[in-house]
Protein backbone atom coordinates (compact mmCIF):
# COMPACT_ATOMS: atom_id res chain seq x y z
CA MET A 1 7.71 14.31 28.66
CA GLU A 2 9.58 13.36 31.62
CA LYS A 3 11.97 10.14 31.04
CA LYS A 4 11.71 7.21 32.99
CA LYS A 5 14.25 6.68 35.85
CA SER A 6 17.28 4.52 34.36
CA LEU A 7 16.80 0.74 35.09
CA ARG A 8 19.83 -1.22 33.46
CA ARG A 9 18.81 -4.65 32.55
CA ALA A 10 19.30 -7.40 29.87
CA GLY A 11 16.69 -9.94 27.95
CA VAL A 12 16.10 -12.04 25.35
CA LEU A 13 14.32 -12.20 22.34
CA LEU A 14 12.12 -15.63 21.67
CA PRO A 15 9.01 -16.16 19.96
CA VAL A 16 6.79 -18.87 21.63
CA SER A 17 6.73 -20.75 18.35
CA SER A 18 10.70 -21.34 18.69
CA LEU A 19 10.01 -22.92 21.90
CA PRO A 20 10.83 -26.54 22.60
CA SER A 21 7.80 -28.88 22.65
CA ASP A 22 6.44 -32.35 21.33
CA CYS A 23 3.60 -31.00 19.07
CA GLY A 24 5.43 -29.28 16.47
CA ILE A 25 5.60 -25.90 17.65
CA GLY A 26 6.51 -23.98 20.90
CA THR A 27 3.44 -23.57 23.43
CA LEU A 28 2.75 -21.96 26.79
CA GLY A 29 3.27 -25.47 28.55
CA ALA A 30 6.76 -26.99 30.18
CA GLY A 31 9.00 -25.60 27.27
CA ALA A 32 7.92 -21.95 28.15
CA TYR A 33 8.39 -22.48 32.08
CA ALA A 34 11.73 -24.20 31.46
CA PHE A 35 12.91 -21.44 29.23
CA ILE A 36 11.50 -18.71 32.02
CA ASP A 37 13.81 -20.85 34.37
CA TRP A 38 16.87 -20.32 31.99
CA LEU A 39 16.37 -16.67 31.73
CA SER A 40 16.26 -16.11 35.74
CA SER A 41 19.55 -18.13 35.88
CA ALA A 42 21.17 -16.22 33.40
CA ASN A 43 19.66 -12.68 35.09
CA MET A 44 17.72 -12.03 31.88
CA LYS A 45 15.15 -9.65 33.26
CA ILE A 46 12.89 -9.59 30.26
CA TRP A 47 11.36 -12.16 27.62
CA GLN A 48 10.45 -10.52 24.14
CA VAL A 49 8.14 -12.33 22.49
CA LEU A 50 6.59 -11.53 18.81
CA PRO A 51 3.05 -11.14 18.31
CA LEU A 52 0.71 -13.83 20.00
CA LEU A 53 -1.83 -13.36 17.09
CA PRO A 54 -3.11 -16.04 14.83
CA THR A 55 -0.65 -16.19 11.81
CA GLY A 56 -1.59 -15.21 8.46
CA TYR A 57 -0.39 -15.01 4.93
CA GLY A 58 3.17 -16.78 4.85
CA ASP A 59 2.76 -17.75 8.41
CA SER A 60 3.72 -14.22 9.65
CA PRO A 61 2.56 -13.13 12.99
CA TYR A 62 2.31 -9.67 11.33
CA GLN A 63 -0.04 -10.50 8.87
CA SER A 64 -2.97 -11.68 11.32
CA CYS A 65 -6.85 -11.94 10.98
CA ALA A 66 -7.25 -10.05 14.02
CA SER A 67 -5.24 -7.58 16.01
CA ASN A 68 -6.39 -8.88 19.56
CA ALA A 69 -6.76 -12.62 18.79
CA LEU A 70 -4.52 -15.06 20.45
CA ASN A 71 -2.99 -17.84 18.65
CA PRO A 72 -4.52 -21.48 19.27
CA TYR A 73 -1.46 -23.08 17.91
CA PHE A 74 0.16 -21.85 21.07
CA ILE A 75 -2.11 -23.93 23.54
CA ASP A 76 -0.59 -26.47 25.29
CA PHE A 77 -2.05 -30.04 25.24
CA ALA A 78 -0.37 -31.36 28.20
CA LEU A 79 -2.00 -28.77 30.34
CA LEU A 80 -5.38 -29.57 28.86
CA GLU A 81 -4.80 -33.19 29.79
CA LYS A 82 -4.27 -32.14 33.58
CA ASP A 83 -7.40 -30.35 33.07
CA GLY A 84 -8.91 -33.37 32.06
CA LEU A 85 -9.70 -32.28 28.62
CA LEU A 86 -7.53 -34.18 26.61
CA GLU A 87 -6.18 -37.63 26.87
CA ARG A 88 -2.61 -38.27 25.58
CA ALA A 89 -3.83 -40.54 22.81
CA ASP A 90 -6.06 -37.49 21.14
CA TRP A 91 -2.51 -36.19 20.15
CA GLU A 92 0.58 -38.01 20.64
CA ASP A 93 0.70 -40.33 17.46
CA ILE A 94 0.29 -37.39 15.33
CA GLU A 95 3.33 -36.35 13.29
CA TRP A 96 3.61 -32.95 14.02
CA CYS A 97 6.87 -32.00 11.79
CA GLU A 98 9.58 -33.89 9.89
CA ASP A 99 12.21 -31.31 11.08
CA ILE A 100 12.32 -30.62 14.87
CA ARG A 101 14.19 -27.47 14.02
CA ARG A 102 11.07 -26.26 11.82
CA VAL A 103 7.39 -25.44 12.46
CA ASP A 104 5.17 -27.29 9.63
CA TYR A 105 2.36 -24.63 9.82
CA GLY A 106 0.42 -26.83 7.49
CA LYS A 107 0.43 -29.74 9.97
CA GLN A 108 -0.68 -27.35 12.36
CA PHE A 109 -3.66 -26.12 10.70
CA ALA A 110 -4.70 -29.51 9.52
CA CYS A 111 -4.37 -31.14 13.39
CA LYS A 112 -4.43 -28.43 15.97
CA THR A 113 -8.09 -27.62 15.68
CA HIS A 114 -9.01 -31.02 15.20
CA VAL A 115 -7.52 -32.05 19.01
CA LEU A 116 -8.56 -28.79 20.39
CA LYS A 117 -12.34 -29.63 19.33
CA LYS A 118 -11.92 -32.85 21.51
CA ALA A 119 -11.25 -30.56 24.55
CA TYR A 120 -13.89 -28.23 24.02
CA ALA A 121 -16.61 -31.38 23.78
CA ARG A 122 -15.27 -32.01 27.32
CA PHE A 123 -15.36 -28.76 28.54
CA ASP A 124 -17.92 -28.07 31.53
CA LYS A 125 -19.80 -25.09 29.72
CA THR A 126 -21.59 -24.24 33.06
CA ASN A 127 -18.41 -22.69 34.58
CA GLU A 128 -18.43 -19.84 36.16
CA ASN A 129 -15.26 -18.19 34.88
CA TRP A 130 -16.18 -19.25 31.18
CA LEU A 131 -19.61 -17.65 31.69
CA ALA A 132 -18.11 -14.60 33.12
CA PHE A 133 -15.55 -14.91 30.01
CA LEU A 134 -18.56 -14.95 27.27
CA LYS A 135 -20.42 -12.07 28.96
CA GLU A 136 -17.46 -9.80 28.95
CA GLY A 137 -17.78 -10.46 24.87
CA LYS A 138 -14.29 -9.38 24.05
CA TYR A 139 -13.60 -11.85 21.26
CA ASN A 140 -17.04 -12.58 19.81
CA ASP A 141 -16.10 -10.75 16.61
CA TYR A 142 -13.00 -12.86 16.05
CA ALA A 143 -15.17 -16.30 16.88
CA LEU A 144 -17.68 -15.52 14.31
CA PHE A 145 -15.07 -14.33 11.96
CA MET A 146 -13.17 -17.58 12.14
CA THR A 147 -16.57 -19.52 12.04
CA LEU A 148 -17.54 -17.80 8.43
CA LYS A 149 -14.04 -18.63 7.32
CA THR A 150 -14.68 -22.03 7.81
CA LYS A 151 -17.89 -21.72 6.12
CA PHE A 152 -16.54 -20.13 3.04
CA SER A 153 -13.47 -22.17 2.88
CA TYR A 154 -11.06 -19.49 4.09
CA ALA A 155 -11.59 -17.29 1.29
CA PRO A 156 -10.97 -13.30 2.21
CA TRP A 157 -14.45 -11.74 3.48
CA THR A 158 -14.42 -9.77 0.40
CA ASP A 159 -15.53 -12.69 -1.41
CA TRP A 160 -18.25 -13.76 0.61
CA PRO A 161 -21.83 -13.30 -0.25
CA GLU A 162 -24.40 -11.15 1.55
CA PRO A 163 -25.22 -10.64 4.14
CA TYR A 164 -21.99 -12.23 5.74
CA LYS A 165 -20.00 -9.88 3.72
CA ASN A 166 -21.19 -6.86 5.43
CA CYS A 167 -21.23 -7.78 8.78
CA GLU A 168 -24.76 -7.34 9.44
CA GLY A 169 -28.45 -8.03 8.79
CA LYS A 170 -31.29 -10.46 10.05
CA GLY A 171 -29.60 -13.11 8.00
CA LEU A 172 -26.40 -13.07 10.06
CA GLU A 173 -28.50 -12.71 13.11
CA GLU A 174 -29.87 -16.50 12.31
CA TYR A 175 -26.33 -17.66 11.16
CA ILE A 176 -25.00 -16.78 14.74
CA GLU A 177 -28.05 -18.75 16.34
CA GLU A 178 -27.58 -21.45 14.31
CA ASN A 179 -23.73 -21.85 14.41
CA ALA A 180 -23.41 -20.95 18.47
CA GLU A 181 -21.63 -24.49 18.97
CA GLU A 182 -18.90 -24.01 16.39
CA ILE A 183 -18.70 -19.89 17.52
CA GLY A 184 -18.33 -21.17 21.11
CA PHE A 185 -15.23 -23.35 20.00
CA TRP A 186 -13.32 -20.47 18.82
CA LEU A 187 -14.20 -18.70 21.91
CA PHE A 188 -13.05 -21.55 23.84
CA THR A 189 -9.73 -21.19 22.30
CA GLN A 190 -9.35 -17.70 23.37
CA TYR A 191 -10.53 -18.41 26.91
CA ILE A 192 -8.14 -21.67 27.43
CA PHE A 193 -4.88 -19.53 25.62
CA LEU A 194 -5.73 -16.77 28.44
CA LYS A 195 -5.92 -19.50 31.11
CA GLN A 196 -2.68 -20.70 30.04
CA TRP A 197 -1.09 -17.39 29.40
CA ASN A 198 -1.98 -15.76 32.54
CA ALA A 199 -0.48 -18.45 34.69
CA LEU A 200 2.63 -18.42 32.67
CA ARG A 201 3.05 -14.55 33.20
CA ALA A 202 2.29 -15.13 36.81
CA TYR A 203 5.31 -17.59 37.00
CA ALA A 204 7.37 -15.09 34.92
CA LYS A 205 6.70 -12.73 37.49
CA GLU A 206 7.71 -14.69 40.24
CA ARG A 207 11.07 -15.69 38.55
CA GLY A 208 11.73 -11.93 38.24
CA VAL A 209 11.20 -12.15 34.46
CA SER A 210 9.14 -9.24 32.81
CA ILE A 211 7.46 -10.16 29.10
CA MET A 212 7.65 -7.78 26.33
CA GLY A 213 5.09 -8.15 23.52
CA ASP A 214 4.82 -6.92 20.18
CA MET A 215 2.20 -4.87 18.55
CA PRO A 216 2.27 -4.84 14.40
CA ILE A 217 1.13 -1.58 13.57
CA TYR A 218 -1.23 -2.41 10.53
CA VAL A 219 -3.72 -5.17 10.52
CA SER A 220 -4.22 -7.43 7.37
CA ALA A 221 -6.59 -6.64 4.65
CA ASP A 222 -8.52 -9.58 5.63
CA SER A 223 -9.29 -9.55 9.09
CA VAL A 224 -12.09 -8.85 11.57
CA GLU A 225 -11.35 -5.09 11.78
CA THR A 226 -11.49 -4.44 8.08
CA TRP A 227 -14.48 -6.42 7.85
CA LYS A 228 -16.26 -4.90 10.74
CA TYR A 229 -14.99 -1.25 10.81
CA ARG A 230 -13.75 -0.55 7.12
CA ARG A 231 -14.60 3.27 6.78
CA GLN A 232 -14.48 4.17 10.13
CA LEU A 233 -10.85 2.95 10.55
CA PHE A 234 -9.33 2.55 7.14
CA ALA A 235 -8.70 3.89 3.70
CA LEU A 236 -11.51 1.61 2.42
CA ASP A 237 -14.54 1.67 0.64
CA LYS A 238 -17.76 -0.48 1.74
CA GLU A 239 -16.62 -3.42 -0.66
CA GLY A 240 -13.18 -3.44 1.27
CA ASN A 241 -11.24 -2.18 -2.00
CA LEU A 242 -7.78 -0.59 -0.92
CA SER A 243 -6.91 2.72 -2.58
CA MET A 244 -3.72 2.38 -0.74
CA ARG A 245 -1.47 0.08 0.77
CA ALA A 246 1.15 0.08 3.44
CA GLY A 247 5.05 -0.28 3.32
CA VAL A 248 8.13 1.37 3.66
CA PRO A 249 10.63 2.87 0.84
CA PRO A 250 13.73 1.32 -0.15
CA ASP A 251 15.93 0.71 2.76
CA ALA A 252 18.47 -1.59 4.33
CA PHE A 253 16.23 -4.54 4.07
CA SER A 254 15.12 -3.93 0.03
CA GLU A 255 16.18 -1.94 -2.95
CA ASP A 256 12.58 -1.89 -3.93
CA GLY A 257 11.06 -1.18 -0.60
CA GLN A 258 8.61 -3.22 1.15
CA LEU A 259 5.41 -3.81 -0.58
CA TRP A 260 3.10 -5.11 2.71
CA GLY A 261 -0.29 -4.65 1.29
CA ASN A 262 -1.92 -3.80 4.67
CA PRO A 263 -4.73 -1.24 4.56
CA VAL A 264 -3.66 2.41 5.74
CA TYR A 265 -5.69 4.13 8.45
CA ASP A 266 -7.88 7.03 8.07
CA TRP A 267 -6.34 9.14 10.74
CA ALA A 268 -8.77 12.03 10.20
CA LYS A 269 -11.78 9.84 11.23
CA MET A 270 -9.94 8.37 13.83
CA LYS A 271 -8.93 11.73 15.64
CA LYS A 272 -12.75 12.61 15.64
CA ASP A 273 -13.25 10.00 18.84
CA LYS A 274 -9.64 10.98 19.80
CA TYR A 275 -8.36 7.65 18.71
CA ALA A 276 -10.34 5.34 20.84
CA TRP A 277 -9.77 2.26 18.71
CA TRP A 278 -5.92 2.59 19.01
CA LYS A 279 -6.36 3.31 22.84
CA GLU A 280 -7.92 0.46 23.62
CA ARG A 281 -5.75 -1.75 21.61
CA ILE A 282 -2.95 -0.63 23.72
CA GLN A 283 -4.37 -0.70 26.68
CA TYR A 284 -5.42 -4.68 25.89
CA ALA A 285 -1.74 -5.16 25.11
CA PHE A 286 -0.73 -4.27 28.62
CA SER A 287 -3.75 -6.87 30.11
CA LEU A 288 -1.09 -9.27 28.42
CA PHE A 289 2.44 -7.71 28.72
CA ASP A 290 4.46 -5.77 31.26
CA MET A 291 6.11 -3.86 28.31
CA VAL A 292 5.12 -3.62 24.47
CA ARG A 293 7.27 -2.93 21.40
CA ILE A 294 5.06 -1.06 18.96
CA ASP A 295 6.36 -2.12 15.38
CA HIS A 296 7.17 0.64 12.80
CA PHE A 297 6.49 3.35 14.98
CA ARG A 298 7.77 6.20 12.61
CA ALA A 299 4.55 5.93 10.72
CA PHE A 300 2.61 7.62 13.62
CA ASP A 301 4.70 10.89 12.77
CA ARG A 302 4.10 9.94 8.79
CA PHE A 303 3.17 6.95 7.02
CA TYR A 304 4.36 5.48 3.76
CA ALA A 305 1.32 4.94 1.38
CA ILE A 306 1.85 3.00 -2.06
CA PRO A 307 -0.97 3.14 -4.63
CA ASP A 308 -2.88 0.05 -5.04
CA GLY A 309 -1.81 -1.71 -8.12
CA ALA A 310 1.70 -0.42 -7.64
CA GLU A 311 4.46 -3.03 -8.40
CA THR A 312 6.95 -1.87 -6.10
CA ALA A 313 7.00 0.09 -3.25
CA LYS A 314 9.12 2.90 -4.99
CA GLU A 315 5.95 4.19 -5.90
CA GLY A 316 4.60 5.49 -2.37
CA GLU A 317 4.23 8.88 -0.86
CA TRP A 318 4.68 10.06 2.75
CA LEU A 319 1.32 11.24 4.60
CA ASP A 320 1.12 12.82 7.95
CA GLY A 321 -0.04 10.45 10.92
CA PRO A 322 -1.33 11.15 14.42
CA LYS A 323 2.01 12.45 15.85
CA ALA A 324 2.23 12.14 19.52
CA GLU A 325 -1.25 13.48 20.24
CA LEU A 326 -2.26 9.84 20.08
CA PHE A 327 -0.30 8.99 22.95
CA LYS A 328 -1.26 11.80 25.48
CA GLY A 329 -1.79 10.09 29.10
CA MET A 330 0.09 6.92 28.36
CA LYS A 331 3.03 7.70 30.66
CA LYS A 332 2.08 4.60 32.92
CA TYR A 333 2.82 2.42 30.16
CA SER A 334 6.34 0.83 29.38
CA ILE A 335 6.24 1.21 25.36
CA VAL A 336 9.23 0.46 23.30
CA ALA A 337 9.29 2.22 20.03
CA GLU A 338 10.72 0.53 16.77
CA ASP A 339 12.05 3.54 15.36
CA LEU A 340 14.22 2.06 12.59
CA GLY A 341 13.92 2.78 8.87
CA THR A 342 13.84 5.98 7.25
CA ILE A 343 14.33 8.39 10.21
CA ASP A 344 13.71 12.56 10.18
CA ASP A 345 13.20 15.34 12.22
CA GLY A 346 9.60 14.51 12.33
CA VAL A 347 10.37 11.11 13.88
CA ARG A 348 13.18 12.71 16.19
CA LYS A 349 10.40 15.00 17.48
CA LEU A 350 7.61 12.36 17.93
CA MET A 351 10.47 10.24 19.86
CA GLU A 352 10.92 13.09 22.31
CA ASP A 353 7.66 14.10 22.68
CA THR A 354 6.36 10.68 23.69
CA GLY A 355 9.52 9.78 25.79
CA PHE A 356 9.57 6.10 24.59
CA PRO A 357 13.00 4.40 24.39
CA GLY A 358 13.75 3.64 20.84
CA MET A 359 15.79 0.71 19.23
CA LYS A 360 19.56 0.48 18.55
CA VAL A 361 20.55 -2.26 16.02
CA PHE A 362 24.11 -3.28 16.19
CA GLU A 363 24.35 -4.60 12.68
CA PHE A 364 23.18 -1.32 11.55
CA ALA A 365 26.39 0.40 12.82
CA PHE A 366 28.93 -0.39 10.19
CA ASP A 367 28.30 1.71 7.17
CA GLY A 368 31.39 3.92 7.44
CA ASN A 369 29.84 6.59 9.07
CA PRO A 370 31.87 7.26 12.21
CA GLU A 371 28.82 9.15 13.50
CA ASN A 372 26.49 6.17 13.08
CA GLU A 373 23.96 6.28 16.08
CA TYR A 374 23.83 2.48 16.39
CA LEU A 375 27.51 2.37 17.21
CA PRO A 376 27.61 1.05 20.82
CA ILE A 377 29.39 4.31 21.98
CA TYR A 378 26.61 6.74 21.03
CA TYR A 379 23.86 4.60 22.76
CA GLU A 380 22.10 6.94 24.98
CA LYS A 381 20.23 5.66 28.32
CA ASN A 382 16.72 6.00 26.98
CA CYS A 383 17.08 3.03 24.39
CA VAL A 384 17.01 -0.55 23.61
CA ALA A 385 19.71 -2.07 21.96
CA TYR A 386 19.75 -5.03 20.17
CA THR A 387 22.43 -7.15 18.25
CA GLY A 388 19.76 -7.74 15.36
CA THR A 389 15.88 -7.91 15.57
CA HIS A 390 13.46 -10.63 13.79
CA ASP A 391 13.82 -9.17 10.63
CA ASN A 392 17.87 -9.26 10.65
CA ASP A 393 20.24 -11.97 9.84
CA THR A 394 22.03 -13.72 12.85
CA LEU A 395 24.90 -12.44 14.30
CA ARG A 396 27.06 -15.26 13.33
CA SER A 397 25.56 -15.23 9.71
CA PHE A 398 26.25 -11.35 9.62
CA LEU A 399 29.70 -11.59 10.01
CA GLU A 400 30.33 -14.88 7.85
CA GLU A 401 28.86 -13.06 5.10
CA MET A 402 31.17 -10.09 5.37
CA PRO A 403 33.78 -9.91 2.38
CA LYS A 404 37.15 -10.21 3.63
CA MET A 405 38.23 -6.72 3.22
CA GLU A 406 35.02 -5.10 4.87
CA ARG A 407 35.44 -7.74 7.76
CA LYS A 408 39.15 -6.39 8.29
CA GLU A 409 37.65 -2.67 8.30
CA PHE A 410 34.51 -4.00 10.77
CA GLU A 411 37.07 -5.58 13.21
CA LYS A 412 39.08 -2.47 13.14
CA GLU A 413 36.02 -0.31 14.11
CA LEU A 414 34.86 -2.95 16.52
CA GLU A 415 38.22 -2.84 18.37
CA LYS A 416 38.02 0.82 18.52
CA GLN A 417 34.43 0.51 20.07
CA CYS A 418 35.34 -2.12 22.93
CA LEU A 419 38.43 -0.03 23.79
CA ALA A 420 36.12 3.17 24.05
CA LEU A 421 33.71 1.34 26.62
CA ASP A 422 36.32 -0.78 28.19
CA SER A 423 35.09 -4.03 26.95
CA PRO A 424 37.16 -7.06 25.94
CA TYR A 425 38.02 -7.35 21.94
CA VAL A 426 38.40 -11.20 21.30
CA VAL A 427 37.98 -12.52 17.79
CA GLU A 428 40.22 -15.47 17.27
CA THR A 429 37.11 -17.49 16.57
CA ILE A 430 33.59 -16.63 15.36
CA GLU A 431 32.15 -17.53 18.81
CA ASP A 432 34.64 -15.31 20.39
CA GLU A 433 33.89 -12.36 18.22
CA CYS A 434 29.95 -12.93 18.47
CA LYS A 435 30.73 -12.83 22.41
CA SER A 436 32.79 -9.89 22.20
CA ILE A 437 29.84 -8.00 20.63
CA MET A 438 27.25 -9.09 22.96
CA GLU A 439 29.48 -7.96 26.07
CA LEU A 440 29.84 -4.48 24.09
CA LEU A 441 26.51 -3.85 24.36
CA LEU A 442 26.06 -5.01 27.60
CA ALA A 443 29.01 -2.34 28.61
CA SER A 444 26.81 0.58 26.58
CA ASN A 445 24.75 3.06 27.98
CA ALA A 446 21.85 1.70 26.92
CA ASP A 447 19.29 0.94 29.89
CA THR A 448 18.14 -2.37 28.33
CA VAL A 449 19.70 -4.68 25.77
CA ILE A 450 17.94 -7.62 23.94
CA PHE A 451 19.73 -10.52 22.28
CA PRO A 452 17.99 -12.84 19.96
CA MET A 453 18.37 -16.27 21.27
CA HIS A 454 20.11 -17.50 18.14
CA ASP A 455 22.81 -15.05 18.61
CA ILE A 456 23.12 -16.23 22.28
CA ALA A 457 23.56 -19.60 20.81
CA VAL A 458 25.87 -18.49 17.97
CA PHE A 459 23.54 -20.07 15.50
CA GLY A 460 24.29 -19.25 11.61
CA GLU A 461 22.12 -18.50 8.82
CA GLU A 462 19.70 -21.37 9.20
CA ALA A 463 18.39 -20.05 12.69
CA ARG A 464 17.28 -16.55 11.03
CA LEU A 465 13.67 -15.91 12.22
CA ASN A 466 12.40 -13.78 8.64
CA ALA A 467 13.89 -12.26 5.78
CA PRO A 468 11.91 -9.33 4.84
CA SER A 469 10.05 -9.18 1.46
CA THR A 470 10.41 -13.16 0.96
CA VAL A 471 7.92 -15.55 1.60
CA SER A 472 9.29 -19.13 2.18
CA ALA A 473 9.52 -22.34 4.35
CA GLN A 474 12.50 -20.56 6.07
CA ASN A 475 10.69 -17.66 7.93
CA TRP A 476 8.95 -17.99 11.09
CA THR A 477 9.71 -21.68 11.45
CA PHE A 478 13.23 -21.62 13.25
CA ARG A 479 12.70 -23.69 16.86
CA PHE A 480 15.03 -24.36 19.38
CA VAL A 481 15.46 -27.87 21.36
CA GLU A 482 16.16 -28.44 25.27
CA ARG A 483 20.24 -28.58 24.85
CA ASP A 484 20.26 -25.05 23.22
CA PHE A 485 19.33 -23.69 26.64
CA GLY A 486 22.67 -24.81 28.54
CA GLN A 487 23.84 -23.62 31.98
CA LYS A 488 27.43 -22.47 30.62
CA LYS A 489 25.33 -19.89 28.53
CA ALA A 490 23.39 -19.07 31.65
CA ALA A 491 26.47 -18.47 34.16
CA TRP A 492 28.24 -16.54 30.92
CA LEU A 493 25.40 -14.04 30.80
CA GLN A 494 24.92 -13.98 34.35
CA SER A 495 28.58 -13.19 35.10
CA LEU A 496 28.18 -10.36 32.60
CA THR A 497 24.85 -8.69 33.91
CA GLN A 498 26.71 -8.51 37.33
CA LEU A 499 30.09 -7.01 35.58
CA TYR A 500 28.02 -4.43 33.90
CA LYS A 501 25.37 -3.93 36.80
CA ARG A 502 22.35 -5.48 34.71
């Protein structure tokens, strides 16, 4: 596959949830527009977000109830006020969080829907755009699923009674007719999200900023997809029981591996219609984003399947995926492959066959192997280089947690890397060292460099986005405030992108 023309650029990873706002979570309102302005002033060409999906177990955007739904928590109330659908009194007295630096998902769950229903009550349901949206029917399954979720106190669909459990029958049709208003509300959340998102994306384009989305490879066991499709897509029986669960073997993140619990795909059945569901999913993603990172890309070559009931991921086995066949005809899409984890010849062939850029993570580079492919001197052009991902510790904490002798060896290697790439090596303070590392990545051959915002701000462990294989109030909750986006930082990044022709 022919590789795309080189285009040197840099960007920032920042979840929408982490943006500043006065409603306890980042939204698609003023904070997002201000961040795009900041990116533009820093000559950052890419804003990478995490999945925009409704959050699920552990508040993770990678465990959502739907693969194509949009998170109502991100809808901005002030924009709805401008549309005449809300009054400030509808939300301003709600205490959304105790700590401005942390999302309180419990508060979002308890209060956001209540306020949005007030907006829906005032919404003109004869609006031509709304009627066209309803006719398209793209989010009907999600809206019905959420209505049933509410009816059955958010129990998993496998615990629902018939006819609701099997997604069919006259009783379900009658329920849809009787609950048209509630179903309409959930459709309204998707309509409003899209309206706000499309306006924000258009603004980003005007400011020269592309938005990179993030696609989880798997869906949740309790999701619209497993409820509706079951045997057509997944290794599930009619009752929704799993014989195998997704995960990864022991790796740098976990000694026991990661037992995710998601159902695995039945690739043999998917092949019969040429992977139509997956192709539609990717096409839909590019209606929202300019670029898309596909999580756990190596599973398209071989995926790790763990027997249901296993206590750890050590008990799993590797099974064949669809390989590059799934991606035939997708040259037009700007896809980034998250090719981290257990990499073998099969994954390397998959990457070569698709031509998609993979990821190089600086924090994985220093294991004592002088030929480690994550060392910046080895970055090829067709890759995306990161200081760390959403699953890594912050760069500052990564350095601070190193044992003293290991830190000395690390700095010796870092100095060699800087010398080889003609990049400054300054380690007098932790801030200096973090800046030297970021400049080193910008000096590398990688076409694209992405910095998590917490590394640009040189924040410590408290700003970590997620610690894999853990469920805690620290994961997915960290937020920035307006003063974190200083113009000195923007000017520094802008000068470096000019220096390194990005």
